Amino acid sequence: MANAKVGVLGSGAVGQVLAEGFMQHGHDVMRGSSDPKKLEEWRKSKGPTANTGSFAEAARFGELLVLAVKGLGAEKVLDACGDGALDGKTIIDTTNPIADAPPVNGVLQLFTGPNESLMERLQAHVPQAKFVKAFSCVGNRLMVEPLLAGNLKPTMFMCGNDTAAKAEVQAVLAKFGWEWEDLGAATAARAIEPLVSLWCIPGFLRNDWSRAYKVLKPA
């Protein structure tokens, strides 16, 4: 979707990085928040393609949406978007089911079990939307134009039930400097989401937060 308007649901670092990535590639962006006033300085500093508003306003604004909030509050944020605002839209789901509890020996605690995923819950909660899991297993510093040793492109693990929606997100990944591994339907989020825990272990144990996954295949 060339130069689609993008609504970013979330006022944290992930939402900011992805919003600015879209703006760098010519998209008009609206960041949504429960308190839009706290994004006012960001909006003023970013020029005419940057907009801010409520979750409902960002959802209506965006032809493509990004969900970039804490997993525990994701369903409430979707509800705040209002009836019909998400219908038919592709939603890049960056969320992870991280529990409100400290890591154990560097391992995050999750509020989902091995045979479920947060994205499946969200897809069931808003069945008219088209969720695509992406950007969930890497830190925000490397989400846009990641610079890695050897100039290798990292691999983004992704999944979703809608083929056209996944193609739309793959186009975004290509713009942002990524390769991808499409793991199929939303069920695959059961494997993708726990990768955030694997990614975080070196960070918690050694303060090493700069890495991304790469799938290597035979030549």
Protein backbone atom coordinates (compact mmCIF):
# COMPACT_ATOMS: atom_id res chain seq x y z
CA MET A 1 0.00 0.00 0.00
CA ALA A 2 2.04 2.94 -1.28
CA ASN A 3 2.13 5.94 1.04
CA ALA A 4 -0.76 4.64 3.10
CA LYS A 5 -1.72 6.62 6.16
CA VAL A 6 -0.47 4.80 9.24
CA GLY A 7 -2.06 4.81 12.67
CA VAL A 8 0.28 3.79 15.48
CA LEU A 9 -1.51 2.70 18.64
CA GLY A 10 0.93 3.34 21.48
CA SER A 11 3.03 6.18 22.85
CA GLY A 12 6.12 4.22 23.92
CA ALA A 13 9.51 3.69 22.32
CA VAL A 14 8.40 0.96 19.90
CA GLY A 15 5.57 3.11 18.59
CA GLN A 16 7.87 6.09 18.20
CA VAL A 17 10.56 4.18 16.28
CA LEU A 18 8.07 2.59 13.90
CA ALA A 19 6.15 5.85 13.42
CA GLU A 20 9.35 7.65 12.47
CA GLY A 21 10.33 4.77 10.18
CA PHE A 22 7.08 5.14 8.28
CA MET A 23 7.53 8.91 8.09
CA GLN A 24 11.03 8.44 6.63
CA HIS A 25 9.40 6.48 3.83
CA GLY A 26 6.82 9.14 3.00
CA HIS A 27 3.83 8.04 5.07
CA ASP A 28 1.58 10.35 7.04
CA VAL A 29 1.39 8.99 10.59
CA MET A 30 -0.85 9.49 13.59
CA ARG A 31 0.29 8.19 16.97
CA GLY A 32 -2.59 7.32 19.26
CA SER A 33 -2.50 7.45 23.04
CA SER A 34 -4.82 7.45 26.02
CA ASP A 35 -3.27 10.86 26.75
CA PRO A 36 -2.40 12.54 23.42
CA LYS A 37 -1.03 15.64 25.19
CA LYS A 38 2.12 13.77 26.19
CA LEU A 39 2.96 13.35 22.48
CA GLU A 40 2.61 17.04 21.67
CA GLU A 41 6.33 17.86 21.77
CA TRP A 42 7.04 14.89 19.50
CA ARG A 43 4.41 16.07 17.02
CA LYS A 44 5.78 19.62 16.92
CA SER A 45 9.32 18.37 16.34
CA LYS A 46 8.46 16.07 13.42
CA GLY A 47 6.72 18.31 10.92
CA PRO A 48 3.51 18.12 8.91
CA THR A 49 3.43 14.34 8.39
CA ALA A 50 3.29 13.72 12.16
CA ASN A 51 -0.08 13.72 13.88
CA THR A 52 -1.29 12.71 17.33
CA GLY A 53 -4.65 11.83 18.75
CA SER A 54 -6.64 9.35 20.80
CA PHE A 55 -6.61 5.64 20.07
CA ALA A 56 -9.94 6.06 18.27
CA GLU A 57 -8.65 8.93 16.16
CA ALA A 58 -5.48 7.05 15.19
CA ALA A 59 -7.51 3.94 14.30
CA ARG A 60 -9.80 5.95 12.02
CA PHE A 61 -6.85 7.83 10.49
CA GLY A 62 -4.78 4.79 9.59
CA GLU A 63 -5.27 2.69 6.49
CA LEU A 64 -2.57 0.49 8.04
CA LEU A 65 -2.30 0.17 11.82
CA VAL A 66 0.47 -0.72 14.25
CA LEU A 67 -0.34 -2.08 17.71
CA ALA A 68 2.59 -1.12 19.94
CA VAL A 69 1.39 -1.35 23.55
CA LYS A 70 1.98 -3.61 26.53
CA GLY A 71 0.43 -6.99 26.00
CA LEU A 72 -1.57 -6.82 29.21
CA GLY A 73 -3.46 -3.77 27.96
CA ALA A 74 -3.78 -4.66 24.28
CA GLU A 75 -7.43 -5.72 24.30
CA LYS A 76 -8.49 -2.54 26.12
CA VAL A 77 -6.64 -0.43 23.55
CA LEU A 78 -8.42 -2.21 20.72
CA ASP A 79 -11.74 -1.60 22.48
CA ALA A 80 -10.86 2.09 22.80
CA CYS A 81 -10.59 2.35 19.02
CA GLY A 82 -14.36 2.22 18.74
CA ASP A 83 -16.90 0.11 16.90
CA GLY A 84 -15.95 -0.60 13.31
CA ALA A 85 -12.74 1.43 13.31
CA LEU A 86 -10.58 -1.67 12.86
CA ASP A 87 -12.77 -3.55 10.40
CA GLY A 88 -10.88 -4.81 7.36
CA LYS A 89 -7.61 -3.17 8.37
CA THR A 90 -4.20 -4.77 8.60
CA ILE A 91 -2.79 -4.46 12.11
CA ILE A 92 0.93 -5.05 12.64
CA ASP A 93 0.93 -6.71 16.04
CA THR A 94 4.19 -6.01 17.88
CA THR A 95 2.85 -7.04 21.28
CA ASN A 96 4.14 -9.76 23.57
CA PRO A 97 2.40 -11.55 26.47
CA ILE A 98 4.84 -10.34 29.11
CA ALA A 99 3.47 -10.81 32.63
CA ASP A 100 3.56 -8.12 35.29
CA ALA A 101 6.30 -9.97 37.16
CA PRO A 102 10.11 -9.79 37.25
CA PRO A 103 12.30 -12.05 35.09
CA VAL A 104 13.56 -15.28 36.66
CA ASN A 105 17.31 -15.66 36.06
CA GLY A 106 16.90 -13.36 33.09
CA VAL A 107 13.89 -15.23 31.67
CA LEU A 108 10.72 -13.22 31.17
CA GLN A 109 7.49 -14.54 32.60
CA LEU A 110 4.60 -14.78 30.13
CA PHE A 111 0.87 -14.81 30.81
CA THR A 112 0.11 -17.24 27.98
CA GLY A 113 0.75 -20.96 27.86
CA PRO A 114 2.54 -23.00 25.17
CA ASN A 115 -0.67 -23.80 23.28
CA GLU A 116 -1.98 -20.24 22.95
CA SER A 117 -0.74 -16.81 21.95
CA LEU A 118 -1.65 -13.21 22.60
CA MET A 119 -2.16 -12.57 18.89
CA GLU A 120 -4.71 -15.36 18.66
CA ARG A 121 -6.59 -13.74 21.52
CA LEU A 122 -6.49 -10.37 19.79
CA GLN A 123 -7.62 -11.83 16.46
CA ALA A 124 -10.55 -13.51 18.21
CA HIS A 125 -11.32 -10.28 20.07
CA VAL A 126 -11.50 -8.27 16.83
CA PRO A 127 -12.25 -10.86 14.13
CA GLN A 128 -12.96 -8.23 11.46
CA ALA A 129 -9.34 -6.98 11.59
CA LYS A 130 -6.35 -8.68 9.95
CA PHE A 131 -3.56 -9.14 12.50
CA VAL A 132 0.01 -9.85 11.39
CA LYS A 133 2.64 -10.60 14.02
CA ALA A 134 5.90 -8.72 13.36
CA PHE A 135 8.54 -6.69 15.21
CA SER A 136 7.91 -8.69 18.38
CA CYS A 137 11.28 -10.40 18.75
CA VAL A 138 13.76 -7.54 18.41
CA GLY A 139 14.55 -4.37 20.34
CA ASN A 140 13.28 -1.03 19.10
CA ARG A 141 16.80 0.22 18.24
CA LEU A 142 17.03 -2.30 15.40
CA MET A 143 13.48 -2.18 14.09
CA VAL A 144 14.20 0.28 11.28
CA GLU A 145 17.28 -0.04 9.05
CA PRO A 146 19.19 -2.37 11.40
CA LEU A 147 22.98 -2.15 11.18
CA LEU A 148 24.53 -5.54 11.86
CA ALA A 149 27.96 -7.11 11.48
CA GLY A 150 28.75 -8.05 7.90
CA ASN A 151 25.87 -5.88 6.66
CA LEU A 152 23.60 -8.92 6.95
CA LYS A 153 19.87 -8.38 6.84
CA PRO A 154 18.21 -9.92 9.90
CA THR A 155 15.15 -12.15 9.68
CA MET A 156 11.76 -11.11 11.02
CA PHE A 157 9.52 -13.98 12.06
CA MET A 158 5.94 -13.21 11.11
CA CYS A 159 2.54 -14.86 10.84
CA GLY A 160 -1.13 -14.13 10.27
CA ASN A 161 -4.28 -15.58 8.79
CA ASP A 162 -4.67 -13.21 5.83
CA THR A 163 -2.31 -13.62 2.87
CA ALA A 164 -2.85 -10.11 1.49
CA ALA A 165 -2.26 -8.54 4.89
CA LYS A 166 1.00 -10.46 5.26
CA ALA A 167 2.12 -9.26 1.83
CA GLU A 168 1.42 -5.69 2.96
CA VAL A 169 3.58 -6.17 6.06
CA GLN A 170 6.32 -7.86 4.04
CA ALA A 171 6.51 -4.70 1.91
CA VAL A 172 7.01 -2.71 5.11
CA LEU A 173 9.74 -5.08 6.28
CA ALA A 174 11.54 -4.72 2.97
CA LYS A 175 11.44 -0.93 3.26
CA PHE A 176 12.77 -1.10 6.80
CA GLY A 177 15.72 -3.32 5.86
CA TRP A 178 14.52 -6.78 6.85
CA GLU A 179 14.18 -10.23 5.39
CA TRP A 180 11.31 -12.30 6.76
CA GLU A 181 10.24 -15.83 7.50
CA ASP A 182 6.50 -16.29 7.02
CA LEU A 183 5.51 -19.03 9.47
CA GLY A 184 1.91 -19.31 8.33
CA ALA A 185 -1.31 -18.77 10.25
CA ALA A 186 -1.83 -16.96 13.54
CA THR A 187 -1.22 -20.20 15.42
CA ALA A 188 2.50 -19.70 14.74
CA ALA A 189 2.47 -16.76 17.16
CA ARG A 190 2.62 -19.44 19.88
CA ALA A 191 6.23 -20.00 18.77
CA ILE A 192 7.12 -16.43 17.77
CA GLU A 193 6.02 -14.59 20.91
CA PRO A 194 8.24 -16.55 23.34
CA LEU A 195 11.27 -15.51 21.27
CA VAL A 196 11.10 -12.17 23.10
CA SER A 197 12.23 -14.02 26.20
CA LEU A 198 15.18 -15.60 24.38
CA TRP A 199 16.08 -12.20 22.91
CA CYS A 200 16.01 -10.53 26.34
CA ILE A 201 18.12 -13.01 28.34
CA PRO A 202 21.53 -11.54 27.38
CA GLY A 203 20.15 -8.08 28.11
CA PHE A 204 19.03 -8.93 31.60
CA LEU A 205 22.15 -10.98 32.40
CA ARG A 206 24.87 -8.89 30.67
CA ASN A 207 23.19 -5.62 29.61
CA ASP A 208 23.66 -6.74 26.00
CA TRP A 209 20.64 -5.54 24.04
CA SER A 210 21.98 -5.34 20.48
CA ARG A 211 21.13 -8.40 18.44
CA ALA A 212 18.64 -9.74 15.91
CA TYR A 213 17.81 -13.21 14.60
CA LYS A 214 19.00 -14.45 11.21
CA VAL A 215 17.79 -17.55 9.37
CA LEU A 216 20.60 -19.09 7.30
CA LYS A 217 19.75 -21.41 4.42
CA PRO A 218 21.90 -23.55 2.13
CA ALA A 219 23.45 -21.72 -0.81
